[in-house]
């Protein structure tokens, strides 16, 4: 998918993994971030609230691994097309606890941080690229009009050729009929002279 952005919140029981897959095309940029939501606002996150995260490619290659973390980020350009998987799991606890995880995964155009692009002084570069694209579109537009004019000229040529062929065919028919009439007249005169008729 060329433009995907998914943000979700889910509950994760300790000791039970949860995996999320995303179909990503080759050479697509991908970014993700995750964090455990604190159940008690204003207090530090308990030590029991840690998770392990692994992001793998369709062929099992590791793209991110975080062990016993509260939050994290990952970013990569997909080398393979297919389903990439992000798996989350917490250490098994007695009694079991439930972690609430906030997860955001973006791919393609949605993964690019456009605000930072503008902040990094790339506006002039982007403006230059836009002017190039505008010139390209203008050139294509003019080429289309030129091709349309050429098509009209070709249609005119086809129409005139068609009318000339009709006239030639009509003239050929008249010549053939005239020759046939002359042959009949000549044969009739020949037979009358020989007194065969």
N, C-alpha and C. Protein backbone atom coordinates (compact mmCIF):
# COMPACT_ATOMS: atom_id res chain seq x y z
N UNK A 1 0.84 -1.17 0.00
CA UNK A 1 0.00 0.00 0.00
C UNK A 1 0.88 1.22 0.00
N UNK A 2 0.52 2.22 -0.79
CA UNK A 2 1.41 3.35 -0.94
C UNK A 2 1.23 4.40 0.15
N UNK A 3 0.09 4.47 0.80
CA UNK A 3 -0.12 5.51 1.77
C UNK A 3 -0.96 4.98 2.91
N UNK A 4 -0.30 4.48 3.95
CA UNK A 4 -1.01 3.87 5.06
C UNK A 4 -0.56 4.53 6.35
N UNK A 5 -1.47 4.81 7.24
CA UNK A 5 -1.13 5.27 8.57
C UNK A 5 -2.12 4.68 9.54
N UNK A 6 -1.64 3.88 10.47
CA UNK A 6 -2.53 3.23 11.42
C UNK A 6 -2.09 3.57 12.83
N UNK A 7 -3.03 4.05 13.63
CA UNK A 7 -2.79 4.27 15.05
C UNK A 7 -3.82 3.43 15.79
N UNK A 8 -3.37 2.71 16.81
CA UNK A 8 -4.29 1.85 17.53
C UNK A 8 -3.87 1.74 18.99
N UNK A 9 -4.80 1.35 19.80
CA UNK A 9 -4.54 1.08 21.21
C UNK A 9 -5.13 -0.29 21.50
N UNK A 10 -4.34 -1.14 22.15
CA UNK A 10 -4.82 -2.48 22.43
C UNK A 10 -4.32 -2.93 23.80
N UNK A 11 -5.02 -3.92 24.34
CA UNK A 11 -4.63 -4.51 25.63
C UNK A 11 -3.82 -5.76 25.37
N UNK A 12 -2.77 -5.92 26.19
CA UNK A 12 -1.85 -7.05 26.04
C UNK A 12 -1.76 -7.76 27.38
N UNK A 13 -2.20 -9.01 27.42
CA UNK A 13 -2.10 -9.79 28.66
C UNK A 13 -0.68 -10.29 28.82
N UNK A 14 -0.15 -10.22 30.04
CA UNK A 14 1.24 -10.66 30.27
C UNK A 14 1.37 -12.13 29.93
N UNK A 15 2.46 -12.46 29.24
CA UNK A 15 2.72 -13.83 28.83
C UNK A 15 2.06 -14.23 27.53
N UNK A 16 1.20 -13.39 26.98
CA UNK A 16 0.52 -13.70 25.71
C UNK A 16 0.96 -12.72 24.64
N UNK A 17 1.55 -13.23 23.56
CA UNK A 17 1.99 -12.31 22.50
C UNK A 17 0.81 -11.81 21.66
N UNK A 18 1.01 -10.64 21.09
CA UNK A 18 0.02 -10.10 20.15
C UNK A 18 0.80 -9.59 18.95
N UNK A 19 0.41 -10.02 17.75
CA UNK A 19 1.13 -9.66 16.52
C UNK A 19 0.20 -8.89 15.59
N UNK A 20 0.78 -7.90 14.94
CA UNK A 20 0.05 -7.07 13.97
C UNK A 20 0.84 -7.10 12.67
N UNK A 21 0.15 -7.33 11.55
CA UNK A 21 0.82 -7.41 10.24
C UNK A 21 0.41 -6.24 9.37
N UNK A 22 1.32 -5.86 8.49
CA UNK A 22 1.08 -4.78 7.53
C UNK A 22 1.70 -5.19 6.20
N UNK A 23 0.91 -5.10 5.12
CA UNK A 23 1.42 -5.41 3.78
C UNK A 23 2.17 -4.18 3.27
N UNK A 24 3.47 -4.33 3.02
CA UNK A 24 4.32 -3.21 2.63
C UNK A 24 5.00 -3.55 1.32
N UNK A 25 5.05 -2.56 0.42
CA UNK A 25 5.72 -2.75 -0.87
C UNK A 25 7.22 -2.54 -0.72
N UNK A 26 7.97 -3.07 -1.67
CA UNK A 26 9.42 -2.89 -1.69
C UNK A 26 9.76 -1.41 -1.79
N UNK A 27 10.81 -0.99 -1.08
CA UNK A 27 11.32 0.38 -1.05
C UNK A 27 10.36 1.39 -0.44
N UNK A 28 9.35 0.93 0.29
CA UNK A 28 8.45 1.84 0.99
C UNK A 28 9.05 2.19 2.34
N UNK A 29 8.98 3.45 2.69
CA UNK A 29 9.46 3.88 3.99
C UNK A 29 8.43 3.50 5.04
N UNK A 30 8.91 3.08 6.23
CA UNK A 30 8.04 2.65 7.30
C UNK A 30 8.55 3.21 8.62
N UNK A 31 7.64 3.78 9.41
CA UNK A 31 7.99 4.24 10.75
C UNK A 31 6.92 3.75 11.72
N UNK A 32 7.34 3.52 12.94
CA UNK A 32 6.41 3.10 13.97
C UNK A 32 6.86 3.57 15.33
N UNK A 33 5.90 3.76 16.22
CA UNK A 33 6.23 4.08 17.61
C UNK A 33 5.21 3.42 18.51
N UNK A 34 5.65 3.05 19.67
CA UNK A 34 4.79 2.36 20.61
C UNK A 34 5.15 2.80 22.02
N UNK A 35 4.16 2.73 22.90
CA UNK A 35 4.41 3.02 24.32
C UNK A 35 3.32 2.39 25.15
N UNK A 36 3.69 2.07 26.39
CA UNK A 36 2.72 1.53 27.34
C UNK A 36 2.02 2.72 28.00
N UNK A 37 0.69 2.65 28.07
CA UNK A 37 -0.09 3.70 28.71
C UNK A 37 -0.07 3.47 30.21
N UNK A 38 0.27 4.52 30.94
CA UNK A 38 0.35 4.43 32.41
C UNK A 38 -1.06 4.31 32.98
N UNK A 39 -1.34 3.25 33.76
CA UNK A 39 -2.69 3.10 34.32
C UNK A 39 -3.00 4.15 35.39
N UNK A 40 -1.97 4.67 36.05
CA UNK A 40 -2.15 5.70 37.08
C UNK A 40 -1.43 6.97 36.65
N UNK A 41 -2.20 7.91 36.11
CA UNK A 41 -1.60 9.16 35.67
C UNK A 41 -0.91 9.87 36.83
N UNK A 42 0.23 10.44 36.57
CA UNK A 42 0.94 11.20 37.59
C UNK A 42 1.95 10.40 38.39
N UNK A 43 1.91 9.08 38.27
CA UNK A 43 2.88 8.24 38.99
C UNK A 43 3.80 7.58 37.97
N UNK A 44 5.01 7.22 38.40
CA UNK A 44 5.90 6.52 37.45
C UNK A 44 5.32 5.17 37.06
N UNK A 45 5.69 4.70 35.88
CA UNK A 45 5.23 3.41 35.38
C UNK A 45 5.84 2.30 36.23
N UNK A 46 5.04 1.34 36.73
CA UNK A 46 5.60 0.25 37.55
C UNK A 46 6.61 -0.58 36.76
N UNK A 47 7.54 -1.22 37.46
CA UNK A 47 8.55 -2.07 36.81
C UNK A 47 7.92 -3.26 36.10
N UNK A 48 6.74 -3.66 36.52
CA UNK A 48 6.08 -4.80 35.86
C UNK A 48 5.56 -4.44 34.48
N UNK A 49 5.47 -3.16 34.20
CA UNK A 49 4.92 -2.70 32.92
C UNK A 49 6.05 -2.49 31.90
N UNK A 50 6.56 -3.59 31.42
CA UNK A 50 7.59 -3.60 30.36
C UNK A 50 7.15 -4.59 29.30
N UNK A 51 7.57 -4.35 28.10
CA UNK A 51 7.22 -5.30 27.04
C UNK A 51 8.41 -5.50 26.11
N UNK A 52 8.32 -6.56 25.32
CA UNK A 52 9.34 -6.86 24.32
C UNK A 52 8.67 -6.75 22.96
N UNK A 53 9.37 -6.12 22.02
CA UNK A 53 8.81 -5.86 20.69
C UNK A 53 9.79 -6.35 19.64
N UNK A 54 9.25 -7.00 18.61
CA UNK A 54 10.08 -7.44 17.48
C UNK A 54 9.31 -7.18 16.19
N UNK A 55 9.99 -6.54 15.23
CA UNK A 55 9.40 -6.29 13.90
C UNK A 55 10.21 -7.12 12.91
N UNK A 56 9.52 -7.97 12.14
CA UNK A 56 10.20 -8.86 11.19
C UNK A 56 9.60 -8.71 9.80
N UNK A 57 10.42 -9.06 8.81
CA UNK A 57 10.01 -9.01 7.41
C UNK A 57 9.28 -10.30 7.04
N UNK A 58 8.72 -10.37 5.81
CA UNK A 58 8.05 -11.60 5.38
C UNK A 58 8.97 -12.81 5.38
N UNK A 59 10.29 -12.59 5.24
CA UNK A 59 11.24 -13.70 5.22
C UNK A 59 11.93 -13.91 6.56
N UNK A 60 11.42 -13.25 7.61
CA UNK A 60 11.94 -13.48 8.96
C UNK A 60 13.12 -12.61 9.35
N UNK A 61 13.49 -11.63 8.54
CA UNK A 61 14.60 -10.74 8.91
C UNK A 61 14.14 -9.75 9.97
N UNK A 62 15.00 -9.52 10.99
CA UNK A 62 14.68 -8.59 12.06
C UNK A 62 14.91 -7.16 11.61
N UNK A 63 13.90 -6.30 11.83
CA UNK A 63 14.06 -4.88 11.53
C UNK A 63 14.06 -4.04 12.80
N UNK A 64 13.54 -4.57 13.89
CA UNK A 64 13.56 -3.86 15.17
C UNK A 64 13.39 -4.88 16.29
N UNK A 65 14.12 -4.64 17.37
CA UNK A 65 13.96 -5.48 18.56
C UNK A 65 14.16 -4.61 19.79
N UNK A 66 13.19 -4.62 20.67
CA UNK A 66 13.30 -3.90 21.95
C UNK A 66 12.91 -4.84 23.07
N UNK A 67 13.81 -5.04 24.04
CA UNK A 67 13.55 -5.97 25.13
C UNK A 67 13.30 -5.21 26.43
N UNK A 68 12.19 -5.53 27.11
CA UNK A 68 11.82 -4.97 28.41
C UNK A 68 11.85 -3.45 28.37
N UNK A 69 11.06 -2.88 27.47
CA UNK A 69 11.02 -1.42 27.30
C UNK A 69 9.60 -0.91 27.57
N UNK A 70 9.52 0.37 27.87
CA UNK A 70 8.22 1.02 28.07
C UNK A 70 7.72 1.64 26.77
N UNK A 71 8.65 2.06 25.93
CA UNK A 71 8.28 2.70 24.67
C UNK A 71 9.44 2.54 23.69
N UNK A 72 9.18 2.85 22.44
CA UNK A 72 10.23 2.76 21.43
C UNK A 72 9.76 3.22 20.07
N UNK A 73 10.72 3.34 19.17
CA UNK A 73 10.46 3.76 17.78
C UNK A 73 11.21 2.82 16.85
N UNK A 74 10.71 2.70 15.64
CA UNK A 74 11.46 2.00 14.60
C UNK A 74 11.20 2.68 13.27
N UNK A 75 12.17 2.60 12.39
CA UNK A 75 12.05 3.16 11.04
C UNK A 75 12.95 2.36 10.11
N UNK A 76 12.44 2.04 8.93
CA UNK A 76 13.24 1.31 7.95
C UNK A 76 12.61 1.46 6.58
N UNK A 77 13.39 1.15 5.56
CA UNK A 77 12.88 1.08 4.18
C UNK A 77 12.79 -0.40 3.83
N UNK A 78 11.61 -0.81 3.41
CA UNK A 78 11.34 -2.23 3.16
C UNK A 78 12.19 -2.74 2.00
N UNK A 79 12.96 -3.78 2.26
CA UNK A 79 13.78 -4.40 1.21
C UNK A 79 13.01 -5.50 0.50
N UNK A 80 11.94 -5.99 1.12
CA UNK A 80 11.14 -7.08 0.55
C UNK A 80 9.68 -6.66 0.57
N UNK A 81 8.91 -7.12 -0.38
CA UNK A 81 7.48 -6.85 -0.40
C UNK A 81 6.76 -7.97 0.34
N UNK A 82 5.70 -7.61 1.06
CA UNK A 82 4.91 -8.63 1.74
C UNK A 82 4.45 -8.15 3.11
N UNK A 83 4.01 -9.12 3.93
CA UNK A 83 3.48 -8.82 5.26
C UNK A 83 4.61 -8.71 6.27
N UNK A 84 4.79 -7.51 6.82
CA UNK A 84 5.73 -7.28 7.92
C UNK A 84 4.94 -7.42 9.21
N UNK A 85 5.56 -8.00 10.23
CA UNK A 85 4.86 -8.31 11.46
C UNK A 85 5.54 -7.64 12.65
N UNK A 86 4.72 -6.99 13.47
CA UNK A 86 5.20 -6.42 14.73
C UNK A 86 4.56 -7.24 15.85
N UNK A 87 5.39 -7.91 16.67
CA UNK A 87 4.89 -8.74 17.76
C UNK A 87 5.25 -8.10 19.09
N UNK A 88 4.28 -8.07 20.01
CA UNK A 88 4.45 -7.51 21.35
C UNK A 88 4.17 -8.60 22.37
N UNK A 89 4.96 -8.65 23.42
CA UNK A 89 4.63 -9.55 24.52
C UNK A 89 5.26 -9.03 25.81
N UNK A 90 4.55 -9.30 26.89
CA UNK A 90 5.03 -8.93 28.22
C UNK A 90 5.46 -10.18 28.95
N UNK A 91 6.35 -10.00 29.92
CA UNK A 91 6.81 -11.15 30.71
C UNK A 91 5.64 -11.75 31.47
N UNK A 92 5.67 -13.07 31.63
CA UNK A 92 4.59 -13.74 32.33
C UNK A 92 4.63 -13.36 33.81
N UNK A 93 3.48 -13.00 34.35
CA UNK A 93 3.36 -12.55 35.74
C UNK A 93 2.30 -13.37 36.46
N UNK A 94 2.51 -13.54 37.77
CA UNK A 94 1.51 -14.16 38.64
C UNK A 94 1.16 -13.14 39.71
N UNK A 95 -0.01 -12.68 39.81
CA UNK A 95 -1.15 -12.84 38.90
C UNK A 95 -0.91 -12.08 37.60
N UNK A 96 -1.60 -12.49 36.51
CA UNK A 96 -1.39 -11.84 35.22
C UNK A 96 -1.82 -10.37 35.28
N UNK A 97 -1.13 -9.56 34.50
CA UNK A 97 -1.50 -8.15 34.39
C UNK A 97 -1.81 -7.85 32.93
N UNK A 98 -2.51 -6.75 32.72
CA UNK A 98 -2.85 -6.33 31.36
C UNK A 98 -2.19 -4.98 31.09
N UNK A 99 -1.46 -4.94 30.00
CA UNK A 99 -0.79 -3.71 29.58
C UNK A 99 -1.61 -3.08 28.45
N UNK A 100 -1.79 -1.78 28.50
CA UNK A 100 -2.44 -1.06 27.41
C UNK A 100 -1.34 -0.42 26.58
N UNK A 101 -1.31 -0.78 25.29
CA UNK A 101 -0.24 -0.32 24.40
C UNK A 101 -0.82 0.61 23.35
N UNK A 102 -0.17 1.75 23.19
CA UNK A 102 -0.51 2.69 22.12
C UNK A 102 0.49 2.46 21.00
N UNK A 103 0.00 2.14 19.79
CA UNK A 103 0.89 1.76 18.68
C UNK A 103 0.49 2.52 17.43
N UNK A 104 1.47 3.13 16.79
CA UNK A 104 1.24 3.84 15.53
C UNK A 104 2.22 3.32 14.49
N UNK A 105 1.69 2.93 13.33
CA UNK A 105 2.52 2.35 12.26
C UNK A 105 2.14 3.05 10.96
N UNK A 106 3.12 3.69 10.32
CA UNK A 106 2.87 4.41 9.07
C UNK A 106 3.80 3.88 7.99
N UNK A 107 3.27 3.81 6.74
CA UNK A 107 4.09 3.38 5.61
C UNK A 107 3.85 4.31 4.44
N UNK A 108 4.79 4.32 3.52
CA UNK A 108 4.65 5.11 2.29
C UNK A 108 4.73 6.60 2.55
N UNK A 109 3.86 7.36 1.87
CA UNK A 109 3.87 8.82 1.98
C UNK A 109 3.54 9.26 3.39
N UNK A 110 2.64 8.52 4.07
CA UNK A 110 2.25 8.88 5.43
C UNK A 110 3.43 8.78 6.40
N UNK A 111 4.44 7.99 6.07
CA UNK A 111 5.57 7.80 6.97
C UNK A 111 6.56 8.96 6.94
N UNK A 112 6.48 9.79 5.93
CA UNK A 112 7.43 10.90 5.82
C UNK A 112 7.02 12.04 6.74
N UNK A 113 7.99 12.63 7.40
CA UNK A 113 7.75 13.74 8.32
C UNK A 113 7.88 15.04 7.54
N UNK A 114 6.77 15.50 6.98
CA UNK A 114 6.80 16.66 6.11
C UNK A 114 7.14 17.94 6.88
N UNK A 115 6.78 18.03 8.15
CA UNK A 115 7.10 19.24 8.91
C UNK A 115 8.61 19.40 9.07
N UNK A 116 9.32 18.30 9.29
CA UNK A 116 10.77 18.37 9.41
C UNK A 116 11.44 18.67 8.07
N UNK A 117 10.82 18.23 6.99
CA UNK A 117 11.37 18.52 5.67
C UNK A 117 11.39 20.03 5.46
N UNK A 118 10.28 20.69 5.83
CA UNK A 118 10.21 22.14 5.67
C UNK A 118 11.16 22.83 6.64
N UNK A 119 11.31 22.31 7.84
CA UNK A 119 12.19 22.93 8.82
C UNK A 119 13.65 22.82 8.43
N UNK A 120 14.00 21.83 7.66
CA UNK A 120 15.41 21.59 7.33
C UNK A 120 15.86 22.42 6.13
N UNK A 121 15.08 23.39 5.74
CA UNK A 121 15.50 24.27 4.65
C UNK A 121 15.33 23.63 3.29
N UNK A 122 14.44 22.69 3.16
CA UNK A 122 14.24 22.01 1.89
C UNK A 122 13.16 22.67 1.05
N UNK A 123 12.62 23.80 1.52
CA UNK A 123 11.53 24.44 0.80
C UNK A 123 11.96 24.85 -0.60
N UNK A 124 13.19 25.42 -0.71
CA UNK A 124 13.67 25.84 -2.02
C UNK A 124 13.82 24.65 -2.96
N UNK A 125 14.32 23.56 -2.42
CA UNK A 125 14.47 22.34 -3.24
C UNK A 125 13.11 21.84 -3.70
N UNK A 126 12.15 21.84 -2.76
CA UNK A 126 10.80 21.39 -3.12
C UNK A 126 10.18 22.33 -4.16
N UNK A 127 10.44 23.65 -4.01
CA UNK A 127 9.92 24.61 -4.98
C UNK A 127 10.52 24.37 -6.36
N UNK A 128 11.82 24.10 -6.40
CA UNK A 128 12.48 23.80 -7.66
C UNK A 128 11.88 22.54 -8.30
N UNK A 129 11.65 21.50 -7.47
CA UNK A 129 11.05 20.27 -7.98
C UNK A 129 9.64 20.52 -8.51
N UNK A 130 8.88 21.37 -7.79
CA UNK A 130 7.54 21.70 -8.25
C UNK A 130 7.58 22.44 -9.59
N UNK A 131 8.55 23.34 -9.76
CA UNK A 131 8.69 24.05 -11.03
C UNK A 131 9.04 23.08 -12.15
N UNK A 132 9.93 22.12 -11.84
CA UNK A 132 10.28 21.10 -12.84
C UNK A 132 9.04 20.30 -13.23
N UNK A 133 8.26 19.91 -12.22
CA UNK A 133 7.04 19.14 -12.50
C UNK A 133 6.05 19.97 -13.32
N UNK A 134 5.95 21.28 -12.99
CA UNK A 134 5.05 22.16 -13.74
C UNK A 134 5.48 22.26 -15.20
N UNK A 135 6.80 22.44 -15.41
CA UNK A 135 7.31 22.51 -16.78
C UNK A 135 7.07 21.20 -17.54
N UNK A 136 7.24 20.09 -16.83
CA UNK A 136 6.98 18.78 -17.46
C UNK A 136 5.52 18.65 -17.86
N UNK A 137 4.62 19.05 -16.96
CA UNK A 137 3.19 18.97 -17.26
C UNK A 137 2.84 19.89 -18.42
N UNK A 138 3.41 21.11 -18.45
CA UNK A 138 3.16 22.04 -19.55
C UNK A 138 3.65 21.46 -20.87
N UNK A 139 4.83 20.85 -20.84
CA UNK A 139 5.37 20.22 -22.05
C UNK A 139 4.46 19.09 -22.53
N UNK A 140 3.99 18.27 -21.61
CA UNK A 140 3.08 17.16 -21.98
C UNK A 140 1.78 17.73 -22.56
N UNK A 141 1.28 18.82 -21.94
CA UNK A 141 0.05 19.45 -22.43
C UNK A 141 0.22 19.96 -23.86
N UNK A 142 1.35 20.63 -24.12
CA UNK A 142 1.62 21.13 -25.47
C UNK A 142 1.79 19.98 -26.46
N UNK A 143 2.44 18.92 -26.03
CA UNK A 143 2.62 17.74 -26.88
C UNK A 143 1.26 17.12 -27.24
N UNK A 144 0.35 17.11 -26.26
CA UNK A 144 -0.98 16.57 -26.54
C UNK A 144 -1.71 17.41 -27.59
N UNK A 145 -1.60 18.76 -27.48
CA UNK A 145 -2.23 19.61 -28.49
C UNK A 145 -1.60 19.40 -29.86
N UNK A 146 -0.27 19.25 -29.90
CA UNK A 146 0.41 18.99 -31.17
C UNK A 146 -0.07 17.68 -31.78
N UNK A 147 -0.16 16.65 -30.94
CA UNK A 147 -0.63 15.34 -31.43
C UNK A 147 -2.08 15.42 -31.90
N UNK A 148 -2.89 16.23 -31.21
CA UNK A 148 -4.28 16.40 -31.64
C UNK A 148 -4.34 17.06 -33.01
N UNK A 149 -3.49 18.10 -33.24
CA UNK A 149 -3.44 18.74 -34.55
C UNK A 149 -2.97 17.77 -35.63
N UNK A 150 -1.94 16.98 -35.30
CA UNK A 150 -1.46 15.98 -36.27
C UNK A 150 -2.56 14.96 -36.58
N UNK A 151 -3.31 14.58 -35.57
CA UNK A 151 -4.41 13.63 -35.79
C UNK A 151 -5.45 14.23 -36.73
N UNK A 152 -5.77 15.54 -36.53
CA UNK A 152 -6.74 16.20 -37.41
C UNK A 152 -6.21 16.26 -38.83
N UNK A 153 -4.90 16.56 -39.00
CA UNK A 153 -4.31 16.57 -40.34
C UNK A 153 -4.40 15.19 -40.98
N UNK A 154 -4.11 14.15 -40.21
CA UNK A 154 -4.18 12.79 -40.75
C UNK A 154 -5.61 12.42 -41.14
N UNK A 155 -6.59 12.87 -40.35
CA UNK A 155 -7.98 12.59 -40.70
C UNK A 155 -8.36 13.32 -42.00
N UNK A 156 -7.89 14.57 -42.12
CA UNK A 156 -8.15 15.31 -43.37
C UNK A 156 -7.53 14.58 -44.56
N UNK A 157 -6.28 14.12 -44.39
CA UNK A 157 -5.61 13.38 -45.45
C UNK A 157 -6.38 12.10 -45.78
N UNK A 158 -6.84 11.40 -44.76
CA UNK A 158 -7.62 10.17 -44.99
C UNK A 158 -8.91 10.48 -45.75
N UNK A 159 -9.60 11.58 -45.37
CA UNK A 159 -10.84 11.94 -46.06
C UNK A 159 -10.58 12.29 -47.52
N UNK A 160 -9.52 13.11 -47.76
CA UNK A 160 -9.24 13.48 -49.15
C UNK A 160 -8.80 12.27 -49.97
N UNK A 161 -7.98 11.40 -49.36
CA UNK A 161 -7.57 10.18 -50.06
C UNK A 161 -8.77 9.30 -50.36
N UNK A 162 -9.69 9.21 -49.43
CA UNK A 162 -10.88 8.40 -49.61
C UNK A 162 -11.73 8.95 -50.76
N UNK A 163 -11.92 10.29 -50.80
CA UNK A 163 -12.72 10.87 -51.89
C UNK A 163 -12.02 10.70 -53.24
N UNK A 164 -10.68 10.82 -53.26
CA UNK A 164 -9.94 10.60 -54.51
C UNK A 164 -10.06 9.15 -54.97
N UNK A 165 -10.01 8.21 -54.02
CA UNK A 165 -10.16 6.80 -54.38
C UNK A 165 -11.54 6.52 -54.94
N UNK A 166 -12.56 7.18 -54.39
CA UNK A 166 -13.93 7.02 -54.92
C UNK A 166 -13.99 7.54 -56.35
N UNK A 167 -13.41 8.72 -56.57
CA UNK A 167 -13.40 9.29 -57.92
C UNK A 167 -12.62 8.39 -58.88
N UNK A 168 -11.45 7.89 -58.45
CA UNK A 168 -10.65 7.00 -59.29
C UNK A 168 -11.42 5.72 -59.62
N UNK A 169 -12.09 5.17 -58.60
CA UNK A 169 -12.89 3.97 -58.83
C UNK A 169 -14.02 4.23 -59.82
N UNK A 170 -14.70 5.38 -59.67
CA UNK A 170 -15.78 5.75 -60.59
C UNK A 170 -15.24 5.94 -62.01
N UNK A 171 -14.09 6.63 -62.12
CA UNK A 171 -13.47 6.85 -63.44
C UNK A 171 -13.06 5.51 -64.06
N UNK A 172 -12.46 4.61 -63.23
CA UNK A 172 -12.06 3.28 -63.73
C UNK A 172 -13.27 2.51 -64.23
N UNK A 173 -14.39 2.60 -63.51
CA UNK A 173 -15.62 1.92 -63.92
C UNK A 173 -16.11 2.47 -65.27
N UNK A 174 -16.08 3.80 -65.43
CA UNK A 174 -16.51 4.40 -66.70
C UNK A 174 -15.60 3.94 -67.85
N UNK A 175 -14.27 3.93 -67.60
CA UNK A 175 -13.32 3.49 -68.63
C UNK A 175 -13.60 2.04 -69.00
N UNK A 176 -13.78 1.17 -67.98
CA UNK A 176 -14.04 -0.26 -68.25
C UNK A 176 -15.33 -0.44 -69.04
N UNK A 177 -16.39 0.28 -68.66
CA UNK A 177 -17.66 0.17 -69.38
C UNK A 177 -17.52 0.69 -70.82
N UNK A 178 -16.74 1.79 -70.97
CA UNK A 178 -16.53 2.33 -72.31
C UNK A 178 -15.76 1.34 -73.18
N UNK A 179 -14.72 0.73 -72.61
CA UNK A 179 -13.94 -0.25 -73.36
C UNK A 179 -14.81 -1.45 -73.71
N UNK A 180 -15.63 -1.89 -72.75
CA UNK A 180 -16.53 -3.03 -73.03
C UNK A 180 -17.53 -2.66 -74.13
N UNK A 181 -18.07 -1.41 -74.09
CA UNK A 181 -19.01 -0.97 -75.14
C UNK A 181 -18.33 -0.91 -76.49
N UNK A 182 -17.09 -0.39 -76.55
CA UNK A 182 -16.35 -0.33 -77.80
C UNK A 182 -16.06 -1.73 -78.34
N UNK A 183 -15.73 -2.66 -77.43
CA UNK A 183 -15.47 -4.04 -77.87
C UNK A 183 -16.73 -4.66 -78.46
N UNK A 184 -17.88 -4.43 -77.80
CA UNK A 184 -19.13 -4.96 -78.33
C UNK A 184 -19.45 -4.34 -79.70
N UNK A 185 -19.27 -3.03 -79.80
CA UNK A 185 -19.55 -2.35 -81.08
C UNK A 185 -18.62 -2.88 -82.17
N UNK A 186 -17.31 -3.07 -81.82
CA UNK A 186 -16.34 -3.58 -82.79
C UNK A 186 -16.69 -5.01 -83.22
N UNK A 187 -17.04 -5.87 -82.24
CA UNK A 187 -17.40 -7.25 -82.59
C UNK A 187 -18.67 -7.29 -83.46
N UNK A 188 -19.65 -6.45 -83.11
CA UNK A 188 -20.88 -6.42 -83.90
C UNK A 188 -20.58 -5.99 -85.35
N UNK A 189 -19.75 -4.93 -85.47
CA UNK A 189 -19.40 -4.45 -86.81
C UNK A 189 -18.60 -5.52 -87.56
N UNK A 190 -17.69 -6.23 -86.86
CA UNK A 190 -16.88 -7.28 -87.49
C UNK A 190 -17.78 -8.40 -88.00
N UNK A 191 -18.72 -8.86 -87.16
CA UNK A 191 -19.61 -9.94 -87.58
C UNK A 191 -20.54 -9.51 -88.71
N UNK A 192 -20.95 -8.24 -88.69
CA UNK A 192 -21.82 -7.78 -89.78
C UNK A 192 -21.04 -7.73 -91.10
N UNK A 193 -19.77 -7.34 -91.07
CA UNK A 193 -18.97 -7.30 -92.29
C UNK A 193 -18.74 -8.71 -92.83
N UNK A 194 -18.55 -9.65 -91.91
CA UNK A 194 -18.31 -11.03 -92.35
C UNK A 194 -19.63 -11.74 -92.64
N UNK A 195 -20.71 -11.02 -92.42
CA UNK A 195 -22.07 -11.54 -92.66
C UNK A 195 -22.35 -12.80 -91.83
N UNK A 196 -21.86 -12.74 -90.57
CA UNK A 196 -22.15 -13.86 -89.65
C UNK A 196 -23.39 -13.54 -88.81
N UNK A 197 -23.85 -12.36 -88.82
CA UNK A 197 -25.06 -11.99 -88.08
C UNK A 197 -26.21 -11.71 -88.99
